[in-house]
Amino acid sequence: MTEQDATAELESSLLVEPPTGRDDQTSRQYLRLRSDILAGKFPRGAALHETQLSETYGASRTPIREALNWLAHDGLLERASRGFRVRSGTPEDVIEIYAARVALESEAAGAAAVRHTDLDMARLERLHDSCCSATDDAAVRIGNFRFHEALWQAAHNTTITTLLVRLTTQLRIYDSGPPSNYGEPDLLNREHAQILGALRARNESAAREHMRAHLERSREQRIRLFARG
């Protein structure tokens, strides 16, 4: 699987929707810009100007401007003196985002232990099996994203899911281009298996604790990768 294919798969896995209440042009430019930012076509800290983007994408400045505002609202861009720039942060920013993610996703795991349906479990089991049989880094990365997405959905809490989509998307800004390998696939799969075991047993506290440990390890690994970059 190529990095381009992996990026496309990840885009489809993050429940991407255009901002509500906007016209088709704004939605189209929002999705195009978002995809290019997450694919690393604009490096961290890169300035984004309406006029230049309008020429690049062959669109008028108004939908570009509105798309930039929405991407800033999503936390992917930050305002600069002459427009916007791709968010550029520090390991402290990663820690801050993870603090919110750990709290929300451990709660989602606890809720999923109580609320999951047979269909939810079947989806999670299938994704876990797929991740375990993956043979390359890109496939492992995609499997990891999809497993977490399915767990959020199994919690049946739209607010938590929406917030987690936003947080995980912000974390991707700190990767150079497509997300880096998350390391040791066997350990990743063992941790997922522990979470699944707690869900099957409908053990709310165990599901929370296993998810917390899983994400805390992921946080430390991401910080190490960030420091090397």
Protein backbone atom coordinates (compact mmCIF):
# COMPACT_ATOMS: atom_id res chain seq x y z
CA MET A 1 0.00 0.00 0.00
CA THR A 2 1.42 3.38 -1.01
CA GLU A 3 1.50 6.41 1.32
CA GLN A 4 -0.99 8.13 -0.99
CA ASP A 5 -3.37 5.17 -0.64
CA ALA A 6 -2.87 5.18 3.13
CA THR A 7 -3.69 8.87 3.35
CA ALA A 8 -6.87 8.38 1.32
CA GLU A 9 -7.92 5.50 3.56
CA LEU A 10 -7.33 7.55 6.69
CA GLU A 11 -9.36 10.41 5.28
CA SER A 12 -12.30 8.07 4.76
CA SER A 13 -11.91 6.62 8.27
CA LEU A 14 -12.18 9.91 10.14
CA LEU A 15 -15.86 10.53 9.49
CA VAL A 16 -15.00 13.62 7.46
CA GLU A 17 -17.94 15.90 6.85
CA PRO A 18 -17.98 19.45 5.49
CA PRO A 19 -19.07 22.22 7.84
CA THR A 20 -22.84 22.43 8.16
CA GLY A 21 -24.80 25.42 6.95
CA ARG A 22 -22.31 26.20 4.14
CA ASP A 23 -22.78 26.24 0.37
CA ASP A 24 -21.34 23.59 -1.93
CA GLN A 25 -18.34 25.70 -2.95
CA THR A 26 -17.29 26.31 0.64
CA SER A 27 -17.72 22.62 1.50
CA ARG A 28 -15.72 21.57 -1.54
CA GLN A 29 -12.81 23.89 -0.76
CA TYR A 30 -12.91 22.94 2.92
CA LEU A 31 -12.55 19.24 2.09
CA ARG A 32 -9.80 19.85 -0.50
CA LEU A 33 -7.76 22.05 1.81
CA ARG A 34 -8.26 19.74 4.77
CA SER A 35 -7.09 16.73 2.76
CA ASP A 36 -4.01 18.56 1.48
CA ILE A 37 -3.09 19.85 4.94
CA LEU A 38 -3.34 16.38 6.49
CA ALA A 39 -1.40 14.86 3.59
CA GLY A 40 1.49 17.21 4.38
CA LYS A 41 1.31 19.24 1.16
CA PHE A 42 1.62 22.34 3.33
CA PRO A 43 4.35 21.93 5.97
CA ARG A 44 3.81 22.91 9.56
CA GLY A 45 4.01 26.68 9.93
CA ALA A 46 3.38 27.30 6.21
CA ALA A 47 1.49 30.53 5.44
CA LEU A 48 -1.81 30.15 3.58
CA HIS A 49 -3.14 33.18 1.69
CA GLU A 50 -6.55 33.52 0.06
CA THR A 51 -5.26 34.90 -3.23
CA GLN A 52 -2.65 32.21 -3.76
CA LEU A 53 -5.02 29.40 -2.77
CA SER A 54 -7.73 30.83 -5.01
CA GLU A 55 -5.35 30.54 -7.96
CA THR A 56 -4.10 27.10 -6.94
CA TYR A 57 -7.57 25.60 -6.55
CA GLY A 58 -9.30 27.59 -9.29
CA ALA A 59 -11.91 28.93 -6.87
CA SER A 60 -13.12 32.37 -5.88
CA ARG A 61 -11.73 33.95 -2.72
CA THR A 62 -14.99 33.87 -0.71
CA PRO A 63 -15.30 30.07 -0.35
CA ILE A 64 -11.54 29.83 0.22
CA ARG A 65 -11.79 32.42 3.00
CA GLU A 66 -14.71 30.62 4.65
CA ALA A 67 -12.94 27.26 4.36
CA LEU A 68 -9.83 28.70 6.02
CA ASN A 69 -11.94 30.05 8.87
CA TRP A 70 -13.51 26.63 9.41
CA LEU A 71 -10.13 24.90 9.34
CA ALA A 72 -8.92 27.34 11.99
CA HIS A 73 -12.03 26.47 14.01
CA ASP A 74 -11.08 22.78 13.64
CA GLY A 75 -7.65 23.54 15.08
CA LEU A 76 -5.73 22.70 11.90
CA LEU A 77 -4.78 26.31 11.16
CA GLU A 78 -3.95 29.31 13.29
CA ARG A 79 -4.36 32.98 12.48
CA ALA A 80 -1.28 34.90 11.35
CA SER A 81 -0.64 38.57 10.65
CA ARG A 82 -1.49 38.13 6.95
CA GLY A 83 -4.02 35.33 6.92
CA PHE A 84 -3.48 31.83 8.28
CA ARG A 85 -0.69 29.32 8.77
CA VAL A 86 -0.68 25.59 9.29
CA ARG A 87 -0.64 24.89 12.99
CA SER A 88 2.89 24.36 14.28
CA GLY A 89 3.20 23.21 17.84
CA THR A 90 5.43 21.69 20.47
CA PRO A 91 5.53 18.44 22.45
CA GLU A 92 3.57 20.33 25.12
CA ASP A 93 0.74 20.81 22.61
CA VAL A 94 0.72 17.07 21.93
CA ILE A 95 0.54 16.40 25.68
CA GLU A 96 -2.36 18.84 26.01
CA ILE A 97 -4.33 17.26 23.17
CA TYR A 98 -3.66 13.77 24.51
CA ALA A 99 -4.87 14.75 27.97
CA ALA A 100 -8.26 15.53 26.44
CA ARG A 101 -8.20 12.46 24.22
CA VAL A 102 -7.33 10.09 27.07
CA ALA A 103 -10.17 11.45 29.20
CA LEU A 104 -12.73 11.24 26.39
CA GLU A 105 -11.70 7.94 24.85
CA SER A 106 -11.39 6.10 28.14
CA GLU A 107 -14.93 7.30 28.85
CA ALA A 108 -15.97 6.10 25.38
CA ALA A 109 -14.48 2.67 26.12
CA GLY A 110 -16.40 2.45 29.40
CA ALA A 111 -19.61 3.47 27.66
CA ALA A 112 -18.99 0.97 24.84
CA ALA A 113 -18.63 -1.82 27.42
CA VAL A 114 -22.15 -1.07 28.61
CA ARG A 115 -23.90 0.04 25.43
CA HIS A 116 -22.35 -1.97 22.58
CA THR A 117 -24.60 -4.01 20.32
CA ASP A 118 -23.83 -7.34 18.68
CA LEU A 119 -23.18 -5.45 15.46
CA ASP A 120 -20.71 -3.14 17.22
CA MET A 121 -18.78 -6.11 18.58
CA ALA A 122 -18.77 -7.90 15.24
CA ARG A 123 -17.32 -4.78 13.61
CA LEU A 124 -14.64 -4.41 16.28
CA GLU A 125 -13.69 -8.10 16.12
CA ARG A 126 -13.42 -7.92 12.31
CA LEU A 127 -11.24 -4.80 12.45
CA HIS A 128 -9.04 -6.34 15.14
CA ASP A 129 -8.54 -9.49 13.05
CA SER A 130 -7.72 -7.34 10.02
CA CYS A 131 -5.18 -5.34 12.02
CA CYS A 132 -3.56 -8.51 13.36
CA SER A 133 -3.09 -9.86 9.83
CA ALA A 134 -1.73 -6.60 8.38
CA THR A 135 1.75 -6.95 6.88
CA ASP A 136 2.88 -3.37 6.34
CA ASP A 137 3.03 -0.20 8.42
CA ALA A 138 0.39 1.65 6.39
CA ALA A 139 -2.16 -1.15 6.84
CA VAL A 140 -1.45 -1.31 10.59
CA ARG A 141 -1.95 2.46 10.85
CA ILE A 142 -5.25 2.31 9.00
CA GLY A 143 -6.42 -0.66 11.07
CA ASN A 144 -5.60 1.22 14.27
CA PHE A 145 -7.60 4.28 13.19
CA ARG A 146 -10.59 2.22 12.13
CA PHE A 147 -10.58 0.18 15.34
CA HIS A 148 -10.69 3.35 17.44
CA GLU A 149 -13.37 4.87 15.25
CA ALA A 150 -15.53 1.75 15.66
CA LEU A 151 -15.08 1.87 19.43
CA TRP A 152 -16.23 5.51 19.51
CA GLN A 153 -19.32 4.49 17.57
CA ALA A 154 -19.93 1.58 19.94
CA ALA A 155 -20.16 4.09 22.80
CA HIS A 156 -23.25 5.59 21.13
CA ASN A 157 -22.38 9.12 22.24
CA THR A 158 -22.34 11.56 19.33
CA THR A 159 -20.76 14.38 21.33
CA ILE A 160 -17.79 12.25 22.39
CA THR A 161 -17.32 10.95 18.84
CA THR A 162 -17.35 14.46 17.37
CA LEU A 163 -14.77 15.69 19.88
CA LEU A 164 -12.52 12.68 19.36
CA VAL A 165 -12.58 13.10 15.58
CA ARG A 166 -11.43 16.69 16.04
CA LEU A 167 -8.67 15.77 18.51
CA THR A 168 -7.25 12.91 16.45
CA THR A 169 -7.28 15.13 13.37
CA GLN A 170 -5.33 17.82 15.24
CA LEU A 171 -2.76 15.21 16.26
CA ARG A 172 -2.09 14.42 12.62
CA ILE A 173 -0.76 17.95 12.13
CA TYR A 174 2.25 16.94 14.22
CA ASP A 175 3.20 14.19 11.78
CA SER A 176 5.20 15.05 8.69
CA GLY A 177 2.84 14.14 5.87
CA PRO A 178 1.04 10.82 6.35
CA PRO A 179 1.08 9.70 9.99
CA SER A 180 4.20 7.88 11.14
CA ASN A 181 4.28 4.24 12.11
CA TYR A 182 2.84 3.79 15.59
CA GLY A 183 5.45 1.16 16.43
CA GLU A 184 5.34 -2.46 17.58
CA PRO A 185 2.27 -3.93 15.84
CA ASP A 186 2.22 -6.98 18.14
CA LEU A 187 2.00 -4.79 21.24
CA LEU A 188 -0.65 -2.61 19.58
CA ASN A 189 -2.73 -5.70 18.81
CA ARG A 190 -2.33 -7.10 22.34
CA GLU A 191 -3.58 -3.83 23.78
CA HIS A 192 -6.56 -3.85 21.41
CA ALA A 193 -7.26 -7.45 22.45
CA GLN A 194 -7.32 -6.41 26.13
CA ILE A 195 -9.83 -3.67 25.33
CA LEU A 196 -11.97 -6.12 23.36
CA GLY A 197 -11.90 -8.60 26.22
CA ALA A 198 -13.23 -5.95 28.60
CA LEU A 199 -15.96 -5.02 26.13
CA ARG A 200 -17.04 -8.65 25.71
CA ALA A 201 -17.25 -8.99 29.49
CA ARG A 202 -19.11 -5.66 29.69
CA ASN A 203 -16.51 -4.65 32.28
CA GLU A 204 -16.78 -0.86 32.25
CA SER A 205 -13.87 -0.11 34.59
CA ALA A 206 -11.48 -2.53 32.85
CA ALA A 207 -12.35 -1.07 29.45
CA ARG A 208 -11.54 2.40 30.73
CA GLU A 209 -8.23 1.35 32.26
CA HIS A 210 -7.04 -0.65 29.25
CA MET A 211 -7.86 2.25 26.93
CA ARG A 212 -6.11 4.72 29.20
CA ALA A 213 -2.93 2.59 29.28
CA HIS A 214 -3.07 2.11 25.50
CA LEU A 215 -3.34 5.84 24.80
CA GLU A 216 -0.71 6.82 27.35
CA ARG A 217 1.79 4.54 25.61
CA SER A 218 0.76 6.02 22.26
CA ARG A 219 1.29 9.52 23.66
CA GLU A 220 4.83 8.75 24.80
CA GLN A 221 5.69 7.20 21.46
CA ARG A 222 4.31 10.16 19.53
CA ILE A 223 6.29 12.60 21.65
CA ARG A 224 9.48 10.66 20.89
CA LEU A 225 8.72 10.74 17.16
CA PHE A 226 7.90 14.44 17.36
CA ALA A 227 11.23 15.16 19.10
CA ARG A 228 13.18 13.33 16.39
CA GLY A 229 11.50 15.43 13.70
